[in-house]
Amino acid sequence: MDKLIESIEKIAPPSGAGGAGTVLVTGGAGEIGSAICKTFAENGYSVIATYNSNSVKAERLLAELNVISESKTQHSSFITQHSIFHAPTTDAQKVEELKAFVAEKYGKLDVLVNNAGITTPVPHEDLEGLTDGWIDKIMQTNFRGSFAMCRAMKEVLENSSLIANHSSLIVNISSIAGIYGIGSNVAYCASKAAIDSMTRSLARALAPKIRVVSVSPGFVEGEYTKNFDQQFLQNQRDNTPLGRFATGSDVAQAVFALATSLTFTTGTILTVDGGRLLK
C-alpha cells in the first residue's frame, strides 16, 4: 500500500467523493481532456484526471480544478475532491494502481471518459511512412488502452449504478475518422473504428448497469492541429458545413450532456463535427 501511495501524484482526502458525482478522464491534461475535466468540475463533480508524462500540465490542471470548485462552494453544498494520477493506459501495473486508488478514495465512479490517444500525420498513400512501430503505438494506446480502462473500472462503475439506482457511463472519445476513413493516418482511422465497435459490443454486454457511448469529433482546434499541413486543414474547414473546427469545449459539452441529459442513450456514436460527414 505504501508503494501505491507513493505512486500517486496528488490524492483526494481519505473519504468517499461528494458532489454531483465522480468522473475519471484519461489524458485529462490535454486539449480535449482538460475541457472535459473543467466542465464537470464546474457542475459539482469530483474529477480524477490521469496523465502519461507531462506532470507539469497535470499539476496546473489540478490547481485550476480546485479554483473552479472553491468558487462553486460559495453557492453550493457540494464537496468535491479532485485528483491527478500518473497512469499511462498501456501500463497494466499503473492501471491496476489507479483501479485500487479509485476504489479506496472514492468508492465508486459515475463516468469514465476514455480520452487518451495518440497519432502522427502520415498521408494515406504513403504506406512506407506508416511504420510498424507507429501502428502498434496507435492501436495499443487508442484501442487497447481504452479497453483496459473499461475492464479495470467496471466494478466501481457498477458500484455507482447500485448506489445511484441508474446507469453509470463510459464515454469513448473516438473520431469521425473511424466512420469515413479520412484522418491523420490509416492506423488512426482503424483505431477509432475499433473503438466504435468496442462501444457497441460493451454497450450490449454491460447493460443495464453501464451505458457506453462514443463521442466522435471532427478536427479539434488547438494543440492537435499544430502539426498538420495548413492547406489540408483549410480543406477540412472548407468542407465543414458550420464553417469551423470543433473546440475542446464542444466535445466537453457533448460528454456532459450524455452524463446528465441523454441518459437513455447507449451503444451509439454522437458526432461533434459541425456536419463534416455531410460532405
Protein backbone atom coordinates (compact mmCIF):
# COMPACT_ATOMS: atom_id res chain seq x y z
CA MET A 1 0.00 0.00 0.00
CA ASP A 2 2.91 2.35 0.73
CA LYS A 3 4.12 1.88 -2.84
CA LEU A 4 0.63 2.67 -4.09
CA ILE A 5 0.51 5.94 -2.16
CA GLU A 6 3.99 6.85 -3.37
CA SER A 7 2.84 6.45 -6.98
CA ILE A 8 0.00 8.94 -6.54
CA GLU A 9 0.91 12.47 -7.57
CA LYS A 10 -1.95 14.15 -5.75
CA ILE A 11 -4.64 12.33 -3.82
CA ALA A 12 -8.07 13.24 -2.58
CA PRO A 13 -8.85 13.39 1.12
CA PRO A 14 -9.43 9.87 2.53
CA SER A 15 -13.19 9.73 2.22
CA GLY A 16 -15.84 8.99 -0.37
CA ALA A 17 -16.50 11.60 -3.04
CA GLY A 18 -19.29 14.06 -2.54
CA GLY A 19 -20.74 16.48 -5.01
CA ALA A 20 -22.74 15.65 -8.11
CA GLY A 21 -20.68 12.55 -8.87
CA THR A 22 -17.22 11.33 -9.80
CA VAL A 23 -15.66 11.34 -13.27
CA LEU A 24 -12.35 9.87 -14.42
CA VAL A 25 -10.80 11.32 -17.58
CA THR A 26 -7.76 9.66 -19.15
CA GLY A 27 -5.38 12.08 -20.83
CA GLY A 28 -7.03 14.72 -18.70
CA ALA A 29 -4.41 17.44 -19.12
CA GLY A 30 -4.63 17.66 -22.91
CA GLU A 31 -6.73 19.96 -25.09
CA ILE A 32 -9.93 17.92 -25.01
CA GLY A 33 -9.32 16.23 -21.67
CA SER A 34 -8.85 19.45 -19.72
CA ALA A 35 -12.02 20.92 -21.22
CA ILE A 36 -13.95 17.84 -20.12
CA CYS A 37 -12.44 17.96 -16.62
CA LYS A 38 -13.28 21.65 -16.19
CA THR A 39 -16.85 21.23 -17.45
CA PHE A 40 -17.56 18.50 -14.91
CA ALA A 41 -15.83 20.44 -12.11
CA GLU A 42 -17.95 23.48 -12.91
CA ASN A 43 -21.01 21.32 -12.38
CA GLY A 44 -20.05 19.91 -9.00
CA TYR A 45 -18.30 16.68 -9.96
CA SER A 46 -15.15 15.30 -8.36
CA VAL A 47 -12.60 14.83 -11.14
CA ILE A 48 -9.82 12.26 -11.45
CA ALA A 49 -7.50 13.14 -14.34
CA THR A 50 -4.80 10.74 -15.49
CA TYR A 51 -1.72 11.71 -17.45
CA ASN A 52 1.05 9.95 -19.34
CA SER A 53 4.21 12.03 -18.93
CA ASN A 54 3.56 15.75 -18.51
CA SER A 55 3.26 16.19 -14.75
CA VAL A 56 3.57 19.98 -15.03
CA LYS A 57 0.41 20.25 -17.13
CA ALA A 58 -1.36 17.83 -14.81
CA GLU A 59 -0.43 19.88 -11.74
CA ARG A 60 -1.64 23.03 -13.48
CA LEU A 61 -4.94 21.35 -14.33
CA LEU A 62 -5.41 20.23 -10.72
CA ALA A 63 -4.86 23.79 -9.49
CA GLU A 64 -7.42 25.08 -12.00
CA LEU A 65 -9.97 22.46 -10.94
CA ASN A 66 -9.53 23.38 -7.29
CA VAL A 67 -10.03 27.07 -8.09
CA ILE A 68 -13.22 26.23 -10.00
CA SER A 69 -14.58 24.18 -7.12
CA GLU A 70 -13.63 26.74 -4.48
CA SER A 71 -15.63 29.36 -6.34
CA LYS A 72 -18.58 26.98 -6.66
CA THR A 73 -18.70 26.01 -2.97
CA GLN A 74 -19.69 29.56 -2.13
CA HIS A 75 -23.00 28.90 -3.88
CA SER A 76 -23.41 25.15 -3.32
CA SER A 77 -23.27 22.50 -0.62
CA PHE A 78 -21.31 20.13 -2.90
CA ILE A 79 -17.96 18.91 -1.62
CA THR A 80 -15.63 17.93 -4.44
CA GLN A 81 -12.32 16.11 -4.34
CA HIS A 82 -10.07 16.37 -7.38
CA SER A 83 -7.05 14.16 -8.09
CA ILE A 84 -4.39 13.62 -10.72
CA PHE A 85 -2.75 10.25 -11.24
CA HIS A 86 0.16 9.12 -13.40
CA ALA A 87 -1.24 6.11 -15.27
CA PRO A 88 -0.44 5.52 -18.96
CA THR A 89 -3.30 3.34 -20.16
CA THR A 90 -0.84 0.93 -21.81
CA ASP A 91 0.89 0.24 -18.48
CA ALA A 92 -1.00 -2.64 -16.85
CA GLN A 93 0.57 -2.11 -13.43
CA LYS A 94 -0.29 1.59 -13.36
CA VAL A 95 -3.85 0.87 -14.43
CA GLU A 96 -4.18 -1.60 -11.55
CA GLU A 97 -2.82 1.00 -9.13
CA LEU A 98 -5.32 3.51 -10.48
CA LYS A 99 -8.13 1.00 -10.02
CA ALA A 100 -7.14 0.49 -6.38
CA PHE A 101 -6.86 4.25 -5.82
CA VAL A 102 -10.34 4.98 -7.20
CA ALA A 103 -11.88 2.16 -5.17
CA GLU A 104 -10.20 3.22 -1.94
CA LYS A 105 -10.54 7.00 -2.16
CA TYR A 106 -13.85 7.36 -3.99
CA GLY A 107 -15.61 4.00 -3.69
CA LYS A 108 -17.48 4.45 -6.94
CA LEU A 109 -17.23 6.02 -10.38
CA ASP A 110 -20.12 7.64 -12.21
CA VAL A 111 -18.43 8.48 -15.51
CA LEU A 112 -15.32 7.10 -17.24
CA VAL A 113 -14.06 9.11 -20.20
CA ASN A 114 -11.50 7.27 -22.33
CA ASN A 115 -9.83 10.29 -23.86
CA ALA A 116 -6.13 9.32 -24.01
CA GLY A 117 -4.94 8.83 -27.57
CA ILE A 118 -2.06 9.40 -29.96
CA THR A 119 -1.47 9.84 -33.67
CA THR A 120 1.01 11.23 -36.16
CA PRO A 121 0.41 12.78 -39.60
CA VAL A 122 1.14 10.30 -42.41
CA PRO A 123 -0.51 10.68 -45.84
CA HIS A 124 -2.73 7.68 -46.55
CA GLU A 125 -0.94 6.94 -49.80
CA ASP A 126 2.44 6.78 -48.02
CA LEU A 127 2.30 3.15 -46.95
CA GLU A 128 6.01 3.01 -46.16
CA GLY A 129 5.74 6.09 -43.99
CA LEU A 130 3.33 4.41 -41.60
CA THR A 131 5.78 2.20 -39.74
CA ASP A 132 5.00 -0.94 -37.77
CA GLY A 133 6.15 0.91 -34.67
CA TRP A 134 3.60 3.67 -35.13
CA ILE A 135 0.82 1.22 -36.00
CA ASP A 136 1.46 -0.67 -32.77
CA LYS A 137 1.66 2.50 -30.65
CA ILE A 138 -1.58 3.88 -32.07
CA MET A 139 -3.54 0.64 -31.66
CA GLN A 140 -2.15 -0.03 -28.19
CA THR A 141 -2.94 3.44 -26.88
CA ASN A 142 -6.17 4.23 -28.68
CA PHE A 143 -7.89 0.85 -28.62
CA ARG A 144 -6.16 -1.44 -26.13
CA GLY A 145 -5.72 1.33 -23.57
CA SER A 146 -9.40 2.24 -23.73
CA PHE A 147 -10.47 -1.37 -23.31
CA ALA A 148 -8.05 -1.81 -20.39
CA MET A 149 -9.68 1.13 -18.62
CA CYS A 150 -13.19 -0.26 -19.19
CA ARG A 151 -12.07 -3.60 -17.79
CA ALA A 152 -10.34 -2.04 -14.78
CA MET A 153 -13.15 0.37 -13.85
CA LYS A 154 -16.10 -1.98 -14.41
CA GLU A 155 -16.56 -2.75 -10.71
CA VAL A 156 -16.50 0.85 -9.46
CA LEU A 157 -18.82 1.88 -12.29
CA GLU A 158 -21.25 -0.86 -11.24
CA ASN A 159 -20.96 0.32 -7.63
CA SER A 160 -22.12 3.74 -8.74
CA SER A 161 -25.06 2.22 -10.60
CA LEU A 162 -26.18 0.36 -7.48
CA ILE A 163 -25.84 3.39 -5.21
CA ALA A 164 -27.49 5.91 -7.53
CA ASN A 165 -30.05 3.47 -8.98
CA HIS A 166 -29.29 4.50 -12.55
CA SER A 167 -26.76 3.52 -15.19
CA SER A 168 -23.21 4.78 -14.94
CA LEU A 169 -21.48 5.85 -18.14
CA ILE A 170 -18.42 5.12 -20.24
CA VAL A 171 -17.63 7.66 -22.96
CA ASN A 172 -15.05 6.66 -25.54
CA ILE A 173 -13.59 9.68 -27.31
CA SER A 174 -13.46 8.48 -30.89
CA SER A 175 -13.34 10.44 -34.15
CA ILE A 176 -15.29 10.75 -37.36
CA ALA A 177 -12.08 9.34 -38.91
CA GLY A 178 -13.36 5.97 -37.71
CA ILE A 179 -16.54 6.44 -39.74
CA TYR A 180 -15.36 7.82 -43.06
CA GLY A 181 -11.69 6.79 -43.15
CA ILE A 182 -10.17 10.26 -43.55
CA GLY A 183 -7.78 11.30 -40.81
CA SER A 184 -4.17 11.72 -39.75
CA ASN A 185 -3.16 8.26 -40.94
CA VAL A 186 -4.66 4.87 -41.83
CA ALA A 187 -3.89 3.28 -38.46
CA TYR A 188 -5.52 6.16 -36.60
CA CYS A 189 -8.72 5.73 -38.62
CA ALA A 190 -8.65 1.98 -37.94
CA SER A 191 -8.10 2.52 -34.21
CA LYS A 192 -11.13 4.79 -33.97
CA ALA A 193 -13.29 2.34 -35.94
CA ALA A 194 -12.19 -0.30 -33.43
CA ILE A 195 -13.23 1.97 -30.56
CA ASP A 196 -16.68 2.43 -32.11
CA SER A 197 -17.06 -1.33 -32.49
CA MET A 198 -15.99 -1.78 -28.85
CA THR A 199 -18.59 0.80 -27.83
CA ARG A 200 -21.37 -1.22 -29.43
CA SER A 201 -20.13 -4.53 -28.01
CA LEU A 202 -19.70 -3.24 -24.46
CA ALA A 203 -22.99 -1.33 -24.51
CA ARG A 204 -24.69 -4.66 -25.09
CA ALA A 205 -22.53 -6.59 -22.63
CA LEU A 206 -22.58 -4.12 -19.73
CA ALA A 207 -26.23 -3.01 -19.85
CA PRO A 208 -28.24 -2.08 -17.89
CA LYS A 209 -25.75 -1.06 -15.18
CA ILE A 210 -23.35 0.76 -17.51
CA ARG A 211 -24.06 2.75 -20.67
CA VAL A 212 -21.33 3.07 -23.32
CA VAL A 213 -21.22 5.78 -25.99
CA SER A 214 -18.66 7.05 -28.50
CA VAL A 215 -18.24 10.80 -28.86
CA SER A 216 -16.70 11.45 -32.27
CA PRO A 217 -15.35 14.92 -33.05
CA GLY A 218 -14.07 16.10 -36.37
CA PHE A 219 -10.86 18.09 -36.24
CA VAL A 220 -10.48 19.88 -32.90
CA GLU A 221 -8.80 23.29 -32.91
CA GLY A 222 -5.72 23.58 -30.72
CA GLU A 223 -2.63 21.51 -29.93
CA TYR A 224 -3.87 18.62 -32.03
CA THR A 225 -3.86 20.60 -35.29
CA LYS A 226 -0.48 22.30 -34.92
CA ASN A 227 1.48 19.54 -36.69
CA PHE A 228 -0.80 19.25 -39.70
CA ASP A 229 -0.32 20.77 -43.13
CA GLN A 230 -2.21 24.07 -43.17
CA GLN A 231 -3.64 23.51 -46.65
CA PHE A 232 -5.02 20.15 -45.53
CA LEU A 233 -6.61 21.80 -42.50
CA GLN A 234 -8.11 24.58 -44.59
CA ASN A 235 -9.62 22.00 -46.92
CA GLN A 236 -11.20 20.23 -43.94
CA ARG A 237 -12.55 23.53 -42.63
CA ASP A 238 -13.98 24.47 -46.03
CA ASN A 239 -15.79 21.13 -46.14
CA THR A 240 -17.40 21.58 -42.74
CA PRO A 241 -20.94 22.99 -43.15
CA LEU A 242 -20.74 25.00 -39.91
CA GLY A 243 -17.52 26.61 -41.14
CA ARG A 244 -15.13 25.87 -38.28
CA PHE A 245 -13.41 23.10 -36.36
CA ALA A 246 -14.70 21.82 -33.06
CA THR A 247 -13.25 23.14 -29.82
CA GLY A 248 -12.44 21.22 -26.66
CA SER A 249 -15.48 22.85 -25.11
CA ASP A 250 -17.75 21.49 -27.86
CA VAL A 251 -16.58 17.97 -27.08
CA ALA A 252 -16.85 18.52 -23.32
CA GLN A 253 -20.45 19.72 -23.61
CA ALA A 254 -21.36 16.60 -25.58
CA VAL A 255 -19.81 14.34 -22.93
CA PHE A 256 -21.54 16.23 -20.12
CA ALA A 257 -24.90 16.03 -21.90
CA LEU A 258 -24.54 12.25 -22.14
CA ALA A 259 -23.89 12.08 -18.41
CA THR A 260 -26.73 14.34 -17.33
CA SER A 261 -29.39 14.68 -20.04
CA LEU A 262 -29.12 11.95 -22.67
CA THR A 263 -29.50 9.20 -20.10
CA PHE A 264 -31.39 6.77 -22.37
CA THR A 265 -28.57 6.71 -24.91
CA THR A 266 -26.16 3.78 -25.25
CA GLY A 267 -24.27 1.84 -27.92
CA THR A 268 -24.19 4.67 -30.42
CA ILE A 269 -21.91 7.37 -31.86
CA LEU A 270 -22.51 11.04 -31.06
CA THR A 271 -20.70 13.14 -33.67
CA VAL A 272 -19.36 16.60 -32.84
CA ASP A 273 -18.20 17.57 -36.31
CA GLY A 274 -20.13 20.61 -37.49
CA GLY A 275 -21.73 18.48 -40.21
CA ARG A 276 -18.40 17.32 -41.74
CA LEU A 277 -19.83 13.90 -42.57
CA LEU A 278 -22.40 15.57 -44.84
CA LYS A 279 -19.76 16.45 -47.42
